[in-house]
Amino acid sequence: MDKPKVAADSPAQVELEEGKKYAYCTCGLSETQPFCDGKHMSTDFRPHVFTAEKTETCYFCRCKQTGDAPRCDGSHKKLQEPERKG
């Protein structure tokens, strides 16, 4: 698996809590999108782990094509049909 699976073609609204650690899924296989559930173990992908700097509402990428992980940058709007099917 050299490219991540497109988990969805829209972002997920996420409520972050300041100081809390999160693991964002980068492979697209997780059933708990946009967060990691360990499904990447059979791939070369690893989660993007971070600590929230402040409490806020964010929109996290689920197409896995963003250039600003974990935040959505609108890349899902540029996906072609074959890419959407992962």
Protein backbone atom coordinates (compact mmCIF):
# COMPACT_ATOMS: atom_id res chain seq x y z
CA MET A 1 0.00 0.00 0.00
CA ASP A 2 1.88 3.04 -1.25
CA LYS A 3 -0.98 5.55 -1.12
CA PRO A 4 -3.43 6.04 1.72
CA LYS A 5 -7.02 4.89 1.26
CA VAL A 6 -9.51 7.72 0.79
CA ALA A 7 -11.68 7.26 3.89
CA ALA A 8 -14.22 9.94 2.85
CA ASP A 9 -14.52 12.85 0.46
CA SER A 10 -15.35 15.38 3.14
CA PRO A 11 -13.67 16.55 6.35
CA ALA A 12 -14.65 15.46 9.88
CA GLN A 13 -15.58 18.07 12.46
CA VAL A 14 -13.50 17.47 15.58
CA GLU A 15 -13.63 19.10 19.01
CA LEU A 16 -10.07 19.30 20.34
CA GLU A 17 -9.23 19.75 24.03
CA GLU A 18 -6.17 21.76 25.00
CA GLY A 19 -3.36 19.54 26.26
CA LYS A 20 -4.94 16.28 25.06
CA LYS A 21 -2.92 13.94 22.81
CA TYR A 22 -4.46 12.72 19.54
CA ALA A 23 -3.42 10.19 16.88
CA TYR A 24 -4.64 11.16 13.40
CA CYS A 25 -5.00 8.29 10.91
CA THR A 26 -2.74 8.69 7.87
CA CYS A 27 -3.45 5.35 6.14
CA GLY A 28 -7.21 5.76 5.69
CA LEU A 29 -7.94 2.24 6.97
CA SER A 30 -9.07 3.18 10.47
CA GLU A 31 -12.71 2.55 11.33
CA THR A 32 -12.59 5.43 13.82
CA GLN A 33 -11.86 8.18 11.26
CA PRO A 34 -10.27 10.61 11.43
CA PHE A 35 -8.39 8.98 14.32
CA CYS A 36 -6.08 5.97 14.33
CA ASP A 37 -7.31 2.58 15.53
CA GLY A 38 -4.14 0.63 14.67
CA LYS A 39 -5.21 -0.71 11.25
CA HIS A 40 -1.99 0.73 9.78
CA MET A 41 0.08 -2.03 11.37
CA SER A 42 0.24 -4.02 8.10
CA THR A 43 1.41 -0.92 6.17
CA ASP A 44 4.31 1.54 6.20
CA PHE A 45 1.99 4.30 7.45
CA ARG A 46 2.14 5.66 11.00
CA PRO A 47 -0.34 7.97 12.74
CA HIS A 48 0.30 11.68 13.07
CA VAL A 49 0.45 12.09 16.86
CA PHE A 50 0.05 15.57 18.33
CA THR A 51 -1.07 17.45 21.43
CA ALA A 52 -3.79 20.07 21.00
CA GLU A 53 -2.46 23.55 21.71
CA LYS A 54 -5.91 24.92 22.49
CA THR A 55 -9.54 23.87 22.81
CA GLU A 56 -11.18 24.45 19.44
CA THR A 57 -13.35 23.04 16.66
CA CYS A 58 -11.30 21.80 13.68
CA TYR A 59 -12.01 20.04 10.40
CA PHE A 60 -9.76 17.04 9.85
CA CYS A 61 -8.95 15.53 6.48
CA ARG A 62 -10.44 12.12 5.70
CA CYS A 63 -9.33 11.93 2.04
CA LYS A 64 -5.71 11.72 3.31
CA GLN A 65 -4.43 14.05 0.56
CA THR A 66 -4.11 17.25 2.62
CA GLY A 67 -0.86 19.17 2.71
CA ASP A 68 -1.67 20.40 6.23
CA ALA A 69 -2.31 17.15 8.16
CA PRO A 70 -4.42 16.63 10.10
CA ARG A 71 -6.40 19.68 8.97
CA CYS A 72 -8.45 19.66 5.77
CA ASP A 73 -7.09 21.94 3.06
CA GLY A 74 -9.77 21.21 0.47
CA SER A 75 -7.76 18.54 -1.37
CA HIS A 76 -10.84 16.27 -1.45
CA LYS A 77 -12.38 18.64 -4.00
CA LYS A 78 -9.59 17.77 -6.47
CA LEU A 79 -9.85 13.99 -6.23
CA GLN A 80 -10.73 12.08 -9.37
CA GLU A 81 -13.17 9.17 -9.26
CA PRO A 82 -10.55 6.33 -9.26
CA GLU A 83 -8.76 7.92 -6.28
CA ARG A 84 -12.01 8.17 -4.30
CA LYS A 85 -12.42 4.42 -4.42
CA GLY A 86 -8.98 4.00 -2.78
